Amino acid sequence: MNRRLYIYFRVAERDLAAVAAAVQDFQARLRAELPALEAELQRRPGSSDGVVTVMETYAGPQGIDDAMQTHIEQAAAVLSRWLQGPRHTEVFEPLR
């Protein structure tokens, strides 16, 4: 299966440092619980009307199953106060 998650969302640029700290905190906890988990945080360059797009990525040797995806989404609930709209989750699988 080897599914990978790409989750993007928008936040006010003034909140970016707080959002980054929150994401890095829960990603560190997730990696401690799931040692094979690969998690990254990125942002789209620039902003539009003071709003930036942030992306979390998740992968692992066995992929991200539904239970892991649910666990990630539950951990990310701390972001709700900063979100400028919904979080969008995209799931991709390697072509073989």
Protein backbone atom coordinates (compact mmCIF):
# COMPACT_ATOMS: atom_id res chain seq x y z
CA MET A 1 0.00 0.00 0.00
CA ASN A 2 2.67 2.56 1.05
CA ARG A 3 0.22 5.49 1.15
CA ARG A 4 1.57 8.96 1.85
CA LEU A 5 -0.38 11.90 3.23
CA TYR A 6 -0.12 15.50 2.12
CA ILE A 7 -2.18 17.77 4.35
CA TYR A 8 -2.40 21.46 3.59
CA PHE A 9 -4.17 24.35 5.25
CA ARG A 10 -4.05 28.11 5.52
CA VAL A 11 -3.18 30.27 8.54
CA ALA A 12 -2.62 33.96 9.15
CA GLU A 13 1.02 34.85 8.59
CA ARG A 14 1.12 36.42 12.09
CA ASP A 15 0.28 32.97 13.55
CA LEU A 16 2.82 31.02 11.52
CA ALA A 17 5.43 30.71 14.29
CA ALA A 18 2.83 29.40 16.77
CA VAL A 19 1.41 27.00 14.19
CA ALA A 20 4.88 25.71 13.29
CA ALA A 21 5.69 25.12 16.96
CA ALA A 22 2.39 23.27 17.50
CA VAL A 23 2.86 21.07 14.42
CA GLN A 24 6.49 20.30 15.25
CA ASP A 25 5.42 19.38 18.78
CA PHE A 26 2.71 16.92 17.75
CA GLN A 27 4.84 15.51 14.92
CA ALA A 28 7.60 14.79 17.46
CA ARG A 29 5.08 13.02 19.69
CA LEU A 30 3.74 11.03 16.73
CA ARG A 31 7.28 9.98 15.75
CA ALA A 32 7.93 8.86 19.35
CA GLU A 33 4.77 6.73 19.24
CA LEU A 34 5.34 5.52 15.67
CA PRO A 35 9.15 5.34 15.23
CA ALA A 36 9.03 4.58 11.48
CA LEU A 37 6.88 7.62 10.76
CA GLU A 38 8.42 10.29 8.53
CA ALA A 39 6.84 13.69 9.12
CA GLU A 40 7.71 17.06 7.63
CA LEU A 41 6.35 20.59 7.77
CA GLN A 42 6.59 23.00 4.86
CA ARG A 43 5.11 26.29 3.75
CA ARG A 44 4.30 27.72 0.36
CA PRO A 45 6.55 30.72 -0.37
CA GLY A 46 4.86 34.08 -0.04
CA SER A 47 1.46 34.97 1.27
CA SER A 48 -1.86 36.24 -0.02
CA ASP A 49 -3.66 38.90 2.00
CA GLY A 50 -1.60 37.98 5.07
CA VAL A 51 -2.45 34.27 4.81
CA VAL A 52 0.07 31.48 4.16
CA THR A 53 -0.36 27.86 3.09
CA VAL A 54 1.27 25.21 5.26
CA MET A 55 1.73 21.54 4.39
CA GLU A 56 2.35 18.52 6.58
CA THR A 57 3.63 15.35 4.91
CA TYR A 58 3.58 11.84 6.35
CA ALA A 59 5.18 8.66 5.04
CA GLY A 60 6.75 5.47 6.31
CA PRO A 61 8.17 2.18 5.12
CA GLN A 62 4.77 0.49 5.40
CA GLY A 63 2.81 3.57 4.39
CA ILE A 64 0.09 5.35 6.32
CA ASP A 65 -2.91 3.18 7.07
CA ASP A 66 -6.36 4.42 8.10
CA ALA A 67 -5.62 4.07 11.83
CA MET A 68 -2.43 6.12 11.53
CA GLN A 69 -4.25 8.74 9.49
CA THR A 70 -6.92 9.02 12.18
CA HIS A 71 -4.21 9.33 14.85
CA ILE A 72 -2.53 12.13 12.88
CA GLU A 73 -5.81 13.99 12.44
CA GLN A 74 -6.59 13.71 16.15
CA ALA A 75 -3.15 15.11 17.04
CA ALA A 76 -3.69 17.99 14.61
CA ALA A 77 -6.91 19.08 16.33
CA VAL A 78 -4.80 21.56 18.34
CA LEU A 79 -4.52 23.66 15.16
CA SER A 80 -8.23 24.46 14.93
CA ARG A 81 -7.93 27.91 16.53
CA TRP A 82 -5.51 29.10 13.83
CA LEU A 83 -7.06 27.61 10.70
CA GLN A 84 -8.29 29.92 7.95
CA GLY A 85 -10.60 27.35 6.38
CA PRO A 86 -10.51 23.55 6.33
CA ARG A 87 -7.50 21.23 6.32
CA HIS A 88 -7.24 19.32 3.05
CA THR A 89 -5.84 15.79 3.06
CA GLU A 90 -4.52 14.27 -0.13
CA VAL A 91 -3.50 10.60 -0.25
CA PHE A 92 -0.98 9.36 -2.79
CA GLU A 93 0.54 5.95 -3.53
CA PRO A 94 3.71 5.25 -5.51
CA LEU A 95 3.29 3.98 -9.04
CA ARG A 96 4.91 0.60 -9.48
